[in-house]
Protein backbone atom coordinates (compact mmCIF):
# COMPACT_ATOMS: atom_id res chain seq x y z
CA UNK A 1 -18.01 121.17 100.79
CA UNK A 2 -20.61 118.55 100.78
CA UNK A 3 -23.68 117.10 103.05
CA UNK A 4 -23.61 113.72 104.67
CA UNK A 5 -26.87 112.46 102.81
CA UNK A 6 -29.08 113.49 99.97
CA UNK A 7 -32.29 113.26 102.29
CA UNK A 8 -32.99 115.81 105.26
CA UNK A 9 -35.84 115.40 107.26
CA UNK A 10 -37.10 118.17 109.47
CA UNK A 11 -38.55 116.92 112.78
CA UNK A 12 -39.83 118.89 116.08
CA UNK A 13 -39.22 116.55 118.50
CA UNK A 14 -35.89 114.23 119.82
CA UNK A 15 -37.91 111.20 119.27
CA UNK A 16 -37.69 111.42 115.87
CA UNK A 17 -34.19 111.82 115.50
CA UNK A 18 -34.25 108.73 117.55
CA UNK A 19 -36.48 107.02 115.04
CA UNK A 20 -35.44 108.45 111.75
CA UNK A 21 -31.69 107.93 112.73
CA UNK A 22 -32.26 104.55 113.18
CA UNK A 23 -33.90 104.08 109.91
CA UNK A 24 -30.56 105.35 108.18
CA UNK A 25 -31.12 109.15 107.84
CA UNK A 26 -27.70 110.85 108.45
CA UNK A 27 -28.96 114.84 108.46
CA UNK A 28 -31.74 115.90 110.47
CA UNK A 29 -32.87 119.25 111.41
CA UNK A 30 -34.54 119.72 114.92
CA UNK A 31 -36.77 122.42 114.60
CA UNK A 32 -38.80 123.61 117.86
CA UNK A 33 -41.08 126.28 117.78
CA UNK A 34 -43.42 125.51 120.92
CA UNK A 35 -40.83 125.10 123.95
CA UNK A 36 -38.76 127.30 125.76
CA UNK A 37 -36.44 127.40 128.83
CA UNK A 38 -35.94 124.06 130.46
CA UNK A 39 -38.02 122.14 128.25
CA UNK A 40 -36.46 123.34 125.08
CA UNK A 41 -32.91 122.90 126.27
CA UNK A 42 -33.92 119.18 127.84
CA UNK A 43 -35.55 118.25 124.26
CA UNK A 44 -32.06 119.64 122.24
CA UNK A 45 -29.95 117.67 124.62
CA UNK A 46 -31.92 114.44 124.12
CA UNK A 47 -31.62 114.78 120.30
CA UNK A 48 -28.05 115.85 120.54
CA UNK A 49 -27.69 112.04 122.64
CA UNK A 50 -29.77 110.39 119.81
CA UNK A 51 -28.17 112.13 116.86
CA UNK A 52 -24.59 110.59 118.28
CA UNK A 53 -25.96 107.23 118.95
CA UNK A 54 -27.06 106.98 115.01
CA UNK A 55 -24.07 108.84 113.62
CA UNK A 56 -26.64 111.59 112.39
CA UNK A 57 -25.30 115.20 111.57
CA UNK A 58 -27.65 117.10 113.81
CA UNK A 59 -28.93 120.56 112.36
CA UNK A 60 -30.59 123.04 115.06
CA UNK A 61 -32.57 125.57 113.90
CA UNK A 62 -32.50 128.97 115.04
CA UNK A 63 -31.04 128.46 118.38
CA UNK A 64 -27.39 129.39 117.54
CA UNK A 65 -26.18 130.09 120.98
CA UNK A 66 -27.63 126.98 122.18
CA UNK A 67 -25.80 125.22 119.73
CA UNK A 68 -22.63 126.58 120.88
CA UNK A 69 -23.45 125.90 124.34
CA UNK A 70 -24.73 122.20 123.97
CA UNK A 71 -21.72 121.15 121.25
CA UNK A 72 -24.13 120.96 118.15
CA UNK A 73 -22.17 121.65 115.65
CA UNK A 74 -24.59 122.79 112.73
CA UNK A 75 -27.13 125.44 112.72
CA UNK A 76 -30.06 126.62 110.23
CA UNK A 77 -31.19 130.10 110.01
CA UNK A 78 -33.62 131.96 108.12
CA UNK A 79 -33.38 135.57 106.77
CA UNK A 80 -34.83 137.16 109.62
CA UNK A 81 -32.54 134.88 112.02
CA UNK A 82 -29.46 136.32 110.22
CA UNK A 83 -30.60 139.69 111.44
CA UNK A 84 -30.16 138.76 114.95
CA UNK A 85 -27.16 136.22 114.85
CA UNK A 86 -23.87 136.89 116.00
CA UNK A 87 -22.13 135.58 113.21
CA UNK A 88 -18.61 136.14 114.07
CA UNK A 89 -19.24 134.10 117.14
CA UNK A 90 -20.96 131.62 115.19
CA UNK A 91 -17.81 131.22 112.86
CA UNK A 92 -15.49 131.59 115.78
CA UNK A 93 -17.40 128.66 117.68
CA UNK A 94 -16.68 126.44 114.52
CA UNK A 95 -20.33 126.28 113.82
CA UNK A 96 -21.43 124.87 110.07
CA UNK A 97 -24.32 127.20 108.84
CA UNK A 98 -27.54 126.48 106.91
CA UNK A 99 -29.54 129.43 105.31
CA UNK A 100 -32.84 129.39 103.78
CA UNK A 101 -33.23 131.71 100.66
CA UNK A 102 -36.53 132.48 98.35
CA UNK A 103 -35.01 135.20 95.96
CA UNK A 104 -32.02 136.27 94.21
CA UNK A 105 -31.78 138.99 96.81
CA UNK A 106 -31.62 136.42 99.76
CA UNK A 107 -29.52 134.35 97.96
CA UNK A 108 -26.93 137.16 97.53
CA UNK A 109 -26.99 137.93 101.28
CA UNK A 110 -26.86 134.08 101.99
CA UNK A 111 -23.89 133.57 100.07
CA UNK A 112 -21.94 136.77 101.47
CA UNK A 113 -21.87 134.95 104.96
CA UNK A 114 -19.98 131.40 103.62
CA UNK A 115 -22.79 128.92 104.25
CA UNK A 116 -22.32 125.12 104.33
CA UNK A 117 -25.34 124.96 102.36
CA UNK A 118 -28.35 127.23 100.83
CA UNK A 119 -31.63 126.03 100.87
CA UNK A 120 -34.42 127.26 98.30
CA UNK A 121 -38.26 126.85 98.66
CA UNK A 122 -40.85 126.19 98.53
CA UNK A 123 -40.46 124.10 95.66
CA UNK A 124 -44.03 123.19 95.66
CA UNK A 125 -47.02 124.80 97.58
CA UNK A 126 -46.70 123.93 101.42
CA UNK A 127 -49.53 124.09 103.75
CA UNK A 128 -46.94 123.91 107.15
CA UNK A 129 -46.71 127.84 107.21
CA UNK A 130 -47.85 130.90 105.54
CA UNK A 131 -45.07 131.97 102.98
CA UNK A 132 -44.72 135.14 101.11
CA UNK A 133 -43.13 133.73 98.01
CA UNK A 134 -45.19 131.64 95.70
CA UNK A 135 -43.46 127.79 94.30
CA UNK A 136 -40.44 128.16 92.96
CA UNK A 137 -40.31 124.96 90.67
CA UNK A 138 -37.75 122.50 89.89
CA UNK A 139 -36.47 124.70 87.01
CA UNK A 140 -35.21 127.25 89.88
CA UNK A 141 -33.20 124.65 91.63
CA UNK A 142 -31.39 124.56 88.08
CA UNK A 143 -30.63 128.03 88.24
CA UNK A 144 -29.74 128.48 92.03
CA UNK A 145 -27.29 125.32 91.35
CA UNK A 146 -25.55 127.47 88.79
CA UNK A 147 -25.33 130.59 90.97
CA UNK A 148 -24.06 128.42 94.18
CA UNK A 149 -21.59 126.58 92.35
CA UNK A 150 -19.91 124.50 95.03
CA UNK A 151 -22.07 125.24 97.92
CA UNK A 152 -24.83 122.32 98.68
CA UNK A 153 -28.09 122.92 97.46
CA UNK A 154 -31.15 121.92 99.48
CA UNK A 155 -34.73 121.73 98.07
CA UNK A 156 -37.67 122.42 100.62
CA UNK A 157 -41.10 122.95 100.36
CA UNK A 158 -44.15 120.63 99.48
CA UNK A 159 -41.48 117.92 98.49
CA UNK A 160 -42.53 114.28 98.48
CA UNK A 161 -41.15 110.89 98.02
CA UNK A 162 -42.56 111.17 94.49
CA UNK A 163 -41.09 114.47 93.55
CA UNK A 164 -37.52 113.89 95.40
CA UNK A 165 -35.77 112.39 92.30
CA UNK A 166 -36.83 115.42 90.29
CA UNK A 167 -35.21 117.75 92.58
CA UNK A 168 -31.90 115.83 92.39
CA UNK A 169 -31.95 115.86 88.65
CA UNK A 170 -32.64 119.61 88.51
CA UNK A 171 -29.74 120.17 90.73
CA UNK A 172 -30.11 120.13 94.21
CA UNK A 173 -27.87 118.46 96.01
CA UNK A 174 -30.30 117.34 99.10
CA UNK A 175 -34.18 117.31 99.39
CA UNK A 176 -35.69 118.26 102.62
CA UNK A 177 -39.56 117.61 104.01
CA UNK A 178 -41.28 117.60 107.29
CA UNK A 179 -44.65 115.69 106.82
CA UNK A 180 -43.59 113.35 104.13
CA UNK A 181 -41.44 111.86 106.94
CA UNK A 182 -42.95 112.48 110.47
CA UNK A 183 -46.80 112.33 109.00
CA UNK A 184 -46.32 109.04 107.16
CA UNK A 185 -48.00 105.80 109.05
CA UNK A 186 -44.37 104.13 108.54
CA UNK A 187 -41.86 107.34 109.22
CA UNK A 188 -38.85 104.58 109.27
CA UNK A 189 -39.94 102.92 105.87
CA UNK A 190 -40.40 106.25 104.43
CA UNK A 191 -36.83 107.15 105.29
CA UNK A 192 -35.69 104.25 103.68
CA UNK A 193 -37.68 104.95 100.60
CA UNK A 194 -36.24 108.25 100.33
CA UNK A 195 -32.93 107.04 100.32
CA UNK A 196 -33.52 104.41 97.45
CA UNK A 197 -35.07 107.43 95.23
CA UNK A 198 -32.37 109.57 95.76
CA UNK A 199 -29.49 107.15 95.63
CA UNK A 200 -26.75 107.52 92.87
CA UNK A 201 -28.19 104.42 91.15
CA UNK A 202 -31.64 105.70 90.66
CA UNK A 203 -33.01 107.40 87.64
CA UNK A 204 -35.59 109.82 87.21
CA UNK A 205 -37.85 109.64 84.50
CA UNK A 206 -41.24 110.81 83.52
CA UNK A 207 -42.09 111.72 87.02
CA UNK A 208 -41.07 108.49 88.88
CA UNK A 209 -38.01 106.37 89.85
CA UNK A 210 -37.01 103.46 87.93
């Protein structure tokens, strides 16, 4: 298994799929928590169209039934989402699946459903939401990668441009962030900088890219 990119922006609106996809991001998660009904559906459909235009692999957070209905082929589920999701229907529909993990117990559960990637976080402290888990640290990424083997490992939580390469060096296959993309004054330039920082030719030394 593999992912189409080493960088993985998480966004809350379709316009970001358009902007970041146009700048070169090829794996983007749409995570919407403040819309429902027709507004939610319209936003998902717009994001799907933007993703198709730019060749982006769009990952929809949580709404697995809408992903099936709307032809979005990748979803991300948290541990709580796994309690309610119809996993046989998800697999029968051909959906690819990413799962959040924060502990070895959660990792065991995630691996039991045959995920297409596993996310570990928070690697560093994050202010985006309250987390019952402390920062995992980059060393945990190395441990997780040994445990997941060929399953792609996504690092998330408090990751910035300056920290991205250290996650790759520790064993992550992909690095994800929210505010370090959409919260920057030049989000498109930030995508290009992240792509350069995580490229195969980039070398991580003493906390910086050389």
